[in-house]
Amino acid sequence: MTFDGDYYPQVARGCPRATLEDYDMYYTEEELKEALERARVKIDKITERTSEYTRGTNDCFALWANYDEELRGLDSKARDLVSFRWNSTREFVVKLARTGLTIEDYATDCGYNIITNKRPIAGDVAFLDGTMINDGRYWVSTNENNSGTHKVRRTQIIEPKIKVLARPIRRVE
């Protein structure tokens, strides 16, 4: 199959591959990295002011919710869809299920595409025993020892162990 310029909208004829920036539905890598950095700063400041690790305040979900708020501003639904308290990741998933949502449904409702090929790029959010966000080279999350955000591990080309991989999309309406 040969490439014809009409197959991918807004991509110049003859371009061999389209990138995510070629589509208005995705954020640019720069926007994603800036949003992650601002979310990390927020969580680190909250952690400095508190004496204990608190679920929903300075945990991995709070990092993801702040990241989503930095991307979408007032259009973020990350906190609106969670109206309960939890004490562990497992309890979060169980209580989320009681509201009728799976992790995949929750991510989709918040404006994320589920990536089934498990190939992460910068800005992707992964769910594996908690939430991690890809900064381009590392997965970033929080610690239960109340030390703020940190790099959990290097990003792999394919992440087979990750249960859910989600990519933020713009609200095109």
N, C-alpha and C. Protein backbone atom coordinates (compact mmCIF):
# COMPACT_ATOMS: atom_id res chain seq x y z
N MET A 1 0.84 -1.18 0.00
CA MET A 1 0.00 0.00 0.00
C MET A 1 0.89 1.24 0.00
N THR A 2 0.62 2.14 -0.87
CA THR A 2 1.41 3.36 -0.94
C THR A 2 0.69 4.46 -0.18
N PHE A 3 1.47 5.39 0.27
CA PHE A 3 0.92 6.51 1.02
C PHE A 3 0.36 7.54 0.06
N ASP A 4 -0.87 7.97 0.30
CA ASP A 4 -1.37 9.12 -0.45
C ASP A 4 -1.73 10.20 0.57
N GLY A 5 -1.44 11.41 0.25
CA GLY A 5 -1.57 12.52 1.19
C GLY A 5 -2.96 12.72 1.75
N ASP A 6 -3.99 12.17 1.08
CA ASP A 6 -5.34 12.36 1.57
C ASP A 6 -5.71 11.41 2.69
N TYR A 7 -4.93 10.35 2.88
CA TYR A 7 -5.25 9.37 3.92
C TYR A 7 -5.12 9.97 5.30
N TYR A 8 -4.08 10.77 5.53
CA TYR A 8 -3.88 11.44 6.81
C TYR A 8 -4.21 12.92 6.64
N PRO A 9 -5.23 13.42 7.28
CA PRO A 9 -5.57 14.84 7.14
C PRO A 9 -4.46 15.74 7.68
N GLN A 10 -4.28 16.86 7.07
CA GLN A 10 -3.33 17.89 7.48
C GLN A 10 -1.88 17.43 7.44
N VAL A 11 -1.58 16.40 6.67
CA VAL A 11 -0.21 15.95 6.51
C VAL A 11 0.16 16.19 5.06
N ALA A 12 1.31 16.77 4.83
CA ALA A 12 1.71 17.12 3.46
C ALA A 12 1.82 15.86 2.59
N ARG A 13 1.41 15.99 1.33
CA ARG A 13 1.50 14.88 0.38
C ARG A 13 2.97 14.46 0.25
N GLY A 14 3.19 13.16 0.30
CA GLY A 14 4.54 12.64 0.17
C GLY A 14 5.25 12.42 1.49
N CYS A 15 4.65 12.83 2.60
CA CYS A 15 5.25 12.61 3.91
C CYS A 15 5.18 11.12 4.24
N PRO A 16 6.28 10.46 4.56
CA PRO A 16 6.26 9.02 4.76
C PRO A 16 5.52 8.57 6.01
N ARG A 17 5.55 9.35 7.07
CA ARG A 17 4.87 8.95 8.31
C ARG A 17 4.28 10.17 8.97
N ALA A 18 3.13 10.00 9.55
CA ALA A 18 2.51 11.07 10.32
C ALA A 18 2.96 10.94 11.76
N THR A 19 3.12 12.06 12.45
CA THR A 19 3.44 12.04 13.87
C THR A 19 2.23 12.51 14.65
N LEU A 20 2.25 12.32 15.97
CA LEU A 20 1.11 12.70 16.78
C LEU A 20 0.79 14.19 16.68
N GLU A 21 1.84 15.01 16.49
CA GLU A 21 1.63 16.45 16.40
C GLU A 21 0.88 16.84 15.13
N ASP A 22 0.81 15.93 14.16
CA ASP A 22 0.11 16.22 12.92
C ASP A 22 -1.40 16.18 13.10
N TYR A 23 -1.86 15.69 14.18
CA TYR A 23 -3.29 15.57 14.43
C TYR A 23 -3.69 16.52 15.54
N ASP A 24 -4.78 17.23 15.35
CA ASP A 24 -5.24 18.17 16.36
C ASP A 24 -5.77 17.48 17.61
N MET A 25 -6.04 16.19 17.53
CA MET A 25 -6.62 15.50 18.68
C MET A 25 -5.60 15.23 19.79
N TYR A 26 -4.30 15.27 19.48
CA TYR A 26 -3.28 14.98 20.47
C TYR A 26 -2.55 16.25 20.90
N TYR A 27 -2.06 16.24 22.14
CA TYR A 27 -1.23 17.33 22.64
C TYR A 27 0.18 17.16 22.08
N THR A 28 0.93 18.25 22.01
CA THR A 28 2.31 18.16 21.58
C THR A 28 3.15 17.61 22.73
N GLU A 29 4.30 17.07 22.40
CA GLU A 29 5.19 16.53 23.43
C GLU A 29 5.59 17.62 24.42
N GLU A 30 5.81 18.82 23.91
CA GLU A 30 6.18 19.94 24.77
C GLU A 30 5.07 20.26 25.78
N GLU A 31 3.83 20.30 25.32
CA GLU A 31 2.70 20.56 26.22
C GLU A 31 2.59 19.49 27.30
N LEU A 32 2.80 18.24 26.91
CA LEU A 32 2.69 17.13 27.85
C LEU A 32 3.79 17.19 28.90
N LYS A 33 5.01 17.46 28.47
CA LYS A 33 6.13 17.52 29.41
C LYS A 33 5.99 18.71 30.36
N GLU A 34 5.52 19.86 29.86
CA GLU A 34 5.31 21.02 30.72
C GLU A 34 4.22 20.75 31.75
N ALA A 35 3.14 20.11 31.32
CA ALA A 35 2.05 19.79 32.25
C ALA A 35 2.54 18.83 33.33
N LEU A 36 3.34 17.84 32.95
CA LEU A 36 3.88 16.89 33.93
C LEU A 36 4.79 17.60 34.91
N GLU A 37 5.64 18.48 34.42
CA GLU A 37 6.55 19.19 35.32
C GLU A 37 5.79 20.07 36.31
N ARG A 38 4.77 20.78 35.83
CA ARG A 38 3.95 21.61 36.75
C ARG A 38 3.23 20.74 37.77
N ALA A 39 2.73 19.57 37.35
CA ALA A 39 2.05 18.67 38.28
C ALA A 39 3.03 18.13 39.32
N ARG A 40 4.25 17.81 38.88
CA ARG A 40 5.27 17.32 39.82
C ARG A 40 5.60 18.39 40.86
N VAL A 41 5.73 19.62 40.43
CA VAL A 41 6.04 20.72 41.36
C VAL A 41 4.91 20.86 42.38
N LYS A 42 3.66 20.78 41.93
CA LYS A 42 2.53 20.88 42.85
C LYS A 42 2.56 19.78 43.90
N ILE A 43 2.74 18.55 43.46
CA ILE A 43 2.76 17.42 44.39
C ILE A 43 3.94 17.52 45.35
N ASP A 44 5.11 17.92 44.85
CA ASP A 44 6.27 18.07 45.71
C ASP A 44 6.06 19.16 46.76
N LYS A 45 5.40 20.26 46.39
CA LYS A 45 5.12 21.32 47.36
C LYS A 45 4.11 20.85 48.40
N ILE A 46 3.09 20.12 47.98
CA ILE A 46 2.11 19.58 48.92
C ILE A 46 2.81 18.62 49.88
N THR A 47 3.69 17.79 49.35
CA THR A 47 4.42 16.82 50.17
C THR A 47 5.31 17.51 51.19
N GLU A 48 5.95 18.61 50.81
CA GLU A 48 6.79 19.37 51.75
C GLU A 48 5.98 19.92 52.91
N ARG A 49 4.73 20.32 52.64
CA ARG A 49 3.90 20.94 53.67
C ARG A 49 3.17 19.93 54.56
N THR A 50 3.10 18.67 54.13
CA THR A 50 2.38 17.68 54.92
C THR A 50 3.35 16.73 55.61
N SER A 51 2.91 16.16 56.71
CA SER A 51 3.77 15.25 57.46
C SER A 51 3.53 13.79 57.11
N GLU A 52 2.47 13.52 56.34
CA GLU A 52 2.19 12.13 56.00
C GLU A 52 1.67 11.99 54.57
N TYR A 53 1.83 10.80 54.06
CA TYR A 53 1.35 10.43 52.72
C TYR A 53 -0.16 10.25 52.80
N THR A 54 -0.90 11.00 51.99
CA THR A 54 -2.35 10.96 52.05
C THR A 54 -2.91 10.62 50.68
N ARG A 55 -3.70 9.56 50.63
CA ARG A 55 -4.32 9.15 49.36
C ARG A 55 -5.23 10.25 48.86
N GLY A 56 -5.10 10.59 47.58
CA GLY A 56 -5.91 11.62 46.98
C GLY A 56 -5.35 13.02 47.12
N THR A 57 -4.30 13.18 47.94
CA THR A 57 -3.70 14.49 48.16
C THR A 57 -2.29 14.57 47.59
N ASN A 58 -1.45 13.60 47.96
CA ASN A 58 -0.08 13.59 47.44
C ASN A 58 0.34 12.19 47.02
N ASP A 59 -0.60 11.42 46.51
CA ASP A 59 -0.29 10.08 46.01
C ASP A 59 -0.24 10.06 44.49
N CYS A 60 -0.13 8.86 43.91
CA CYS A 60 -0.01 8.76 42.45
C CYS A 60 -1.28 9.23 41.74
N PHE A 61 -2.45 9.00 42.35
CA PHE A 61 -3.68 9.50 41.73
C PHE A 61 -3.69 11.03 41.72
N ALA A 62 -3.25 11.65 42.80
CA ALA A 62 -3.20 13.12 42.86
C ALA A 62 -2.23 13.66 41.80
N LEU A 63 -1.12 12.96 41.59
CA LEU A 63 -0.19 13.37 40.53
C LEU A 63 -0.89 13.33 39.18
N TRP A 64 -1.60 12.23 38.91
CA TRP A 64 -2.31 12.11 37.64
C TRP A 64 -3.42 13.16 37.52
N ALA A 65 -4.17 13.39 38.58
CA ALA A 65 -5.24 14.39 38.54
C ALA A 65 -4.67 15.79 38.30
N ASN A 66 -3.56 16.11 38.96
CA ASN A 66 -2.93 17.41 38.73
C ASN A 66 -2.39 17.53 37.30
N TYR A 67 -1.83 16.46 36.78
CA TYR A 67 -1.35 16.42 35.40
C TYR A 67 -2.51 16.69 34.44
N ASP A 68 -3.63 16.02 34.68
CA ASP A 68 -4.81 16.21 33.84
C ASP A 68 -5.33 17.65 33.94
N GLU A 69 -5.32 18.21 35.15
CA GLU A 69 -5.77 19.60 35.34
C GLU A 69 -4.83 20.58 34.65
N GLU A 70 -3.54 20.29 34.65
CA GLU A 70 -2.58 21.16 33.96
C GLU A 70 -2.80 21.11 32.45
N LEU A 71 -3.18 19.96 31.93
CA LEU A 71 -3.45 19.83 30.50
C LEU A 71 -4.75 20.51 30.10
N ARG A 72 -5.80 20.25 30.85
CA ARG A 72 -7.15 20.64 30.44
C ARG A 72 -7.73 21.84 31.16
N GLY A 73 -7.10 22.25 32.24
CA GLY A 73 -7.63 23.37 33.01
C GLY A 73 -8.96 23.02 33.64
N LEU A 74 -9.94 23.87 33.49
CA LEU A 74 -11.25 23.67 34.11
C LEU A 74 -12.04 22.52 33.49
N ASP A 75 -11.62 22.05 32.31
CA ASP A 75 -12.31 20.94 31.64
C ASP A 75 -11.92 19.57 32.18
N SER A 76 -11.00 19.52 33.13
CA SER A 76 -10.55 18.24 33.68
C SER A 76 -11.67 17.59 34.50
N LYS A 77 -11.87 16.29 34.26
CA LYS A 77 -12.88 15.53 35.01
C LYS A 77 -12.24 14.57 36.00
N ALA A 78 -10.93 14.58 36.11
CA ALA A 78 -10.22 13.59 36.91
C ALA A 78 -10.71 13.52 38.35
N ARG A 79 -10.88 14.65 38.99
CA ARG A 79 -11.33 14.64 40.38
C ARG A 79 -12.85 14.53 40.49
N ASP A 80 -13.57 15.04 39.50
CA ASP A 80 -15.04 15.03 39.55
C ASP A 80 -15.61 13.63 39.55
N LEU A 81 -14.95 12.70 38.89
CA LEU A 81 -15.47 11.33 38.78
C LEU A 81 -15.18 10.48 40.01
N VAL A 82 -14.34 10.99 40.92
CA VAL A 82 -13.98 10.24 42.13
C VAL A 82 -14.52 10.99 43.34
N SER A 83 -15.59 10.46 43.91
CA SER A 83 -16.21 11.13 45.06
C SER A 83 -16.07 10.30 46.33
N PHE A 84 -15.02 9.50 46.42
CA PHE A 84 -14.84 8.62 47.57
C PHE A 84 -13.41 8.70 48.08
N ARG A 85 -13.18 8.19 49.27
CA ARG A 85 -11.85 8.10 49.88
C ARG A 85 -11.36 6.66 49.78
N TRP A 86 -10.06 6.45 49.78
CA TRP A 86 -9.51 5.10 49.72
C TRP A 86 -8.20 5.05 50.48
N ASN A 87 -7.78 3.84 50.85
CA ASN A 87 -6.56 3.65 51.63
C ASN A 87 -5.50 2.82 50.91
N SER A 88 -5.83 2.31 49.73
CA SER A 88 -4.86 1.54 48.96
C SER A 88 -5.27 1.57 47.49
N THR A 89 -4.36 1.16 46.63
CA THR A 89 -4.67 1.10 45.20
C THR A 89 -5.80 0.12 44.94
N ARG A 90 -5.73 -1.03 45.61
CA ARG A 90 -6.78 -2.04 45.45
C ARG A 90 -8.14 -1.48 45.86
N GLU A 91 -8.18 -0.78 46.97
CA GLU A 91 -9.44 -0.20 47.44
C GLU A 91 -9.96 0.84 46.45
N PHE A 92 -9.06 1.62 45.84
CA PHE A 92 -9.45 2.59 44.84
C PHE A 92 -10.15 1.90 43.66
N VAL A 93 -9.54 0.81 43.17
CA VAL A 93 -10.10 0.09 42.03
C VAL A 93 -11.46 -0.52 42.39
N VAL A 94 -11.57 -1.08 43.60
CA VAL A 94 -12.85 -1.67 44.03
C VAL A 94 -13.93 -0.61 44.14
N LYS A 95 -13.61 0.52 44.76
CA LYS A 95 -14.61 1.58 44.91
C LYS A 95 -14.97 2.20 43.56
N LEU A 96 -14.00 2.29 42.67
CA LEU A 96 -14.27 2.78 41.33
C LEU A 96 -15.23 1.83 40.62
N ALA A 97 -15.02 0.54 40.79
CA ALA A 97 -15.91 -0.46 40.18
C ALA A 97 -17.33 -0.35 40.74
N ARG A 98 -17.45 0.00 42.00
CA ARG A 98 -18.78 0.17 42.60
C ARG A 98 -19.54 1.34 41.98
N THR A 99 -18.81 2.29 41.42
CA THR A 99 -19.46 3.41 40.73
C THR A 99 -19.79 3.04 39.29
N GLY A 100 -19.40 1.82 38.88
CA GLY A 100 -19.70 1.35 37.53
C GLY A 100 -18.60 1.58 36.53
N LEU A 101 -17.41 1.94 37.00
CA LEU A 101 -16.29 2.24 36.09
C LEU A 101 -15.12 1.29 36.30
N THR A 102 -14.50 0.89 35.21
CA THR A 102 -13.21 0.22 35.27
C THR A 102 -12.14 1.30 35.11
N ILE A 103 -10.88 0.92 35.27
CA ILE A 103 -9.80 1.88 35.04
C ILE A 103 -9.85 2.39 33.60
N GLU A 104 -10.12 1.49 32.66
CA GLU A 104 -10.21 1.88 31.24
C GLU A 104 -11.35 2.88 31.02
N ASP A 105 -12.52 2.59 31.60
CA ASP A 105 -13.66 3.50 31.47
C ASP A 105 -13.36 4.86 32.08
N TYR A 106 -12.72 4.83 33.24
CA TYR A 106 -12.38 6.07 33.93
C TYR A 106 -11.45 6.92 33.07
N ALA A 107 -10.40 6.29 32.52
CA ALA A 107 -9.45 7.03 31.67
C ALA A 107 -10.15 7.57 30.43
N THR A 108 -11.01 6.78 29.83
CA THR A 108 -11.75 7.21 28.64
C THR A 108 -12.66 8.38 28.97
N ASP A 109 -13.38 8.30 30.09
CA ASP A 109 -14.27 9.38 30.51
C ASP A 109 -13.51 10.67 30.80
N CYS A 110 -12.26 10.55 31.21
CA CYS A 110 -11.43 11.72 31.48
C CYS A 110 -10.76 12.28 30.23
N GLY A 111 -10.94 11.63 29.08
CA GLY A 111 -10.39 12.15 27.83
C GLY A 111 -9.08 11.52 27.41
N TYR A 112 -8.95 10.22 27.61
CA TYR A 112 -7.73 9.50 27.22
C TYR A 112 -8.10 8.38 26.26
N ASN A 113 -7.22 8.12 25.30
CA ASN A 113 -7.34 6.96 24.42
C ASN A 113 -6.60 5.80 25.06
N ILE A 114 -7.19 4.62 25.06
CA ILE A 114 -6.50 3.44 25.57
C ILE A 114 -5.59 2.93 24.46
N ILE A 115 -4.32 2.72 24.78
CA ILE A 115 -3.32 2.28 23.81
C ILE A 115 -3.12 0.77 23.99
N THR A 116 -3.61 0.02 23.04
CA THR A 116 -3.59 -1.43 23.17
C THR A 116 -2.27 -2.07 22.77
N ASN A 117 -1.44 -1.38 21.98
CA ASN A 117 -0.18 -1.98 21.56
C ASN A 117 0.92 -1.85 22.61
N LYS A 118 0.62 -1.18 23.73
CA LYS A 118 1.54 -1.06 24.88
C LYS A 118 2.86 -0.39 24.53
N ARG A 119 2.85 0.50 23.52
CA ARG A 119 4.05 1.25 23.15
C ARG A 119 3.90 2.69 23.67
N PRO A 120 4.52 3.00 24.79
CA PRO A 120 4.34 4.32 25.40
C PRO A 120 5.17 5.41 24.73
N ILE A 121 4.65 6.64 24.82
CA ILE A 121 5.39 7.82 24.41
C ILE A 121 5.27 8.83 25.54
N ALA A 122 5.99 9.92 25.44
CA ALA A 122 5.94 10.96 26.48
C ALA A 122 4.51 11.43 26.68
N GLY A 123 4.12 11.55 27.94
CA GLY A 123 2.79 12.04 28.28
C GLY A 123 1.78 10.95 28.54
N ASP A 124 2.10 9.70 28.22
CA ASP A 124 1.17 8.60 28.47
C ASP A 124 1.05 8.33 29.97
N VAL A 125 -0.11 7.83 30.36
CA VAL A 125 -0.38 7.46 31.74
C VAL A 125 -0.53 5.95 31.79
N ALA A 126 0.17 5.31 32.73
CA ALA A 126 0.11 3.86 32.88
C ALA A 126 -0.48 3.51 34.24
N PHE A 127 -1.23 2.43 34.27
CA PHE A 127 -1.82 1.93 35.50
C PHE A 127 -1.25 0.54 35.78
N LEU A 128 -0.43 0.44 36.82
CA LEU A 128 0.18 -0.81 37.24
C LEU A 128 0.47 -0.68 38.73
N ASP A 129 -0.36 -1.24 39.56
CA ASP A 129 -0.21 -1.10 41.02
C ASP A 129 -0.09 0.38 41.41
N GLY A 130 -0.79 1.22 40.73
CA GLY A 130 -0.75 2.66 40.91
C GLY A 130 -0.61 3.33 39.56
N THR A 131 -0.48 4.64 39.58
CA THR A 131 -0.41 5.42 38.35
C THR A 131 1.01 5.93 38.13
N MET A 132 1.46 5.86 36.88
CA MET A 132 2.75 6.40 36.49
C MET A 132 2.53 7.24 35.23
N ILE A 133 3.34 8.28 35.06
CA ILE A 133 3.26 9.13 33.87
C ILE A 133 4.62 9.12 33.19
N ASN A 134 4.62 8.98 31.88
CA ASN A 134 5.85 8.89 31.10
C ASN A 134 6.39 10.29 30.80
N ASP A 135 7.64 10.55 31.21
CA ASP A 135 8.25 11.85 30.92
C ASP A 135 9.09 11.83 29.64
N GLY A 136 9.01 10.72 28.91
CA GLY A 136 9.78 10.58 27.69
C GLY A 136 10.88 9.54 27.83
N ARG A 137 11.46 9.45 29.01
CA ARG A 137 12.52 8.46 29.27
C ARG A 137 12.22 7.59 30.47
N TYR A 138 11.50 8.16 31.45
CA TYR A 138 11.22 7.44 32.69
C TYR A 138 9.73 7.52 33.02
N TRP A 139 9.28 6.56 33.82
CA TRP A 139 7.95 6.62 34.41
C TRP A 139 8.07 7.38 35.72
N VAL A 140 7.19 8.35 35.94
CA VAL A 140 7.21 9.19 37.13
C VAL A 140 6.00 8.85 37.99
N SER A 141 6.22 8.76 39.30
CA SER A 141 5.12 8.50 40.23
C SER A 141 5.50 9.06 41.59
N THR A 142 4.79 8.62 42.62
CA THR A 142 5.06 9.07 43.99
C THR A 142 5.46 7.88 44.85
N ASN A 143 5.95 8.18 46.06
CA ASN A 143 6.34 7.17 47.04
C ASN A 143 5.40 7.19 48.22
N GLU A 144 5.19 6.05 48.83
CA GLU A 144 4.38 6.01 50.05
C GLU A 144 5.18 6.48 51.26
N ASN A 145 6.47 6.75 51.10
CA ASN A 145 7.27 7.26 52.22
C ASN A 145 7.25 8.79 52.29
N ASN A 146 6.30 9.40 51.55
CA ASN A 146 6.09 10.85 51.58
C ASN A 146 7.31 11.64 51.14
N SER A 147 7.97 11.20 50.07
CA SER A 147 9.15 11.90 49.57
C SER A 147 8.88 12.64 48.26
N GLY A 148 7.62 12.76 47.87
CA GLY A 148 7.29 13.49 46.65
C GLY A 148 7.37 12.61 45.42
N THR A 149 7.52 13.27 44.27
CA THR A 149 7.57 12.53 43.01
C THR A 149 8.99 12.06 42.73
N HIS A 150 9.10 11.00 41.94
CA HIS A 150 10.40 10.47 41.57
C HIS A 150 10.27 9.64 40.31
N LYS A 151 11.40 9.33 39.70
CA LYS A 151 11.42 8.47 38.53
C LYS A 151 11.39 7.02 39.02
N VAL A 152 10.36 6.28 38.60
CA VAL A 152 10.18 4.91 39.07
C VAL A 152 11.11 3.96 38.34
N ARG A 153 11.08 4.03 37.00
CA ARG A 153 11.93 3.16 36.18
C ARG A 153 11.97 3.70 34.77
N ARG A 154 12.92 3.17 33.98
CA ARG A 154 13.04 3.59 32.59
C ARG A 154 11.86 3.08 31.78
N THR A 155 11.51 3.85 30.76
CA THR A 155 10.45 3.45 29.83
C THR A 155 11.01 2.41 28.87
N GLN A 156 10.25 1.36 28.63
CA GLN A 156 10.62 0.33 27.67
C GLN A 156 9.92 0.60 26.34
N ILE A 157 10.42 0.02 25.26
CA ILE A 157 9.79 0.21 23.96
C ILE A 157 8.37 -0.35 23.97
N ILE A 158 8.22 -1.52 24.56
CA ILE A 158 6.90 -2.11 24.77
C ILE A 158 6.78 -2.42 26.26
N GLU A 159 5.65 -2.10 26.84
CA GLU A 159 5.42 -2.31 28.27
C GLU A 159 4.35 -3.39 28.48
N PRO A 160 4.73 -4.67 28.37
CA PRO A 160 3.73 -5.74 28.44
C PRO A 160 3.09 -5.92 29.82
N LYS A 161 3.77 -5.53 30.89
CA LYS A 161 3.22 -5.74 32.24
C LYS A 161 2.21 -4.68 32.65
N ILE A 162 2.20 -3.56 31.96
CA ILE A 162 1.26 -2.49 32.30
C ILE A 162 -0.16 -2.93 31.98
N LYS A 163 -1.05 -2.75 32.94
CA LYS A 163 -2.43 -3.19 32.76
C LYS A 163 -3.19 -2.29 31.80
N VAL A 164 -3.04 -0.97 31.97
CA VAL A 164 -3.73 -0.01 31.11
C VAL A 164 -2.74 1.08 30.74
N LEU A 165 -2.67 1.41 29.46
CA LEU A 165 -1.85 2.50 28.96
C LEU A 165 -2.79 3.48 28.26
N ALA A 166 -2.76 4.74 28.69
CA ALA A 166 -3.71 5.72 28.16
C ALA A 166 -2.96 6.96 27.70
N ARG A 167 -3.44 7.55 26.60
CA ARG A 167 -2.84 8.74 25.99
C ARG A 167 -3.84 9.88 26.02
N PRO A 168 -3.47 11.05 26.56
CA PRO A 168 -4.42 12.17 26.62
C PRO A 168 -4.73 12.73 25.24
N ILE A 169 -6.01 13.01 25.03
CA ILE A 169 -6.44 13.64 23.78
C ILE A 169 -7.13 14.94 24.11
N ARG A 170 -7.10 15.85 23.16
CA ARG A 170 -7.79 17.12 23.33
C ARG A 170 -9.28 16.89 23.19
N ARG A 171 -10.03 17.71 23.84
CA ARG A 171 -11.50 17.65 23.67
C ARG A 171 -11.83 18.41 22.41
N VAL A 172 -12.15 17.71 21.34
CA VAL A 172 -12.50 18.33 20.07
C VAL A 172 -14.02 18.36 20.00
N GLU A 173 -14.58 19.55 20.16
CA GLU A 173 -16.05 19.65 20.17
C GLU A 173 -16.50 20.83 19.35
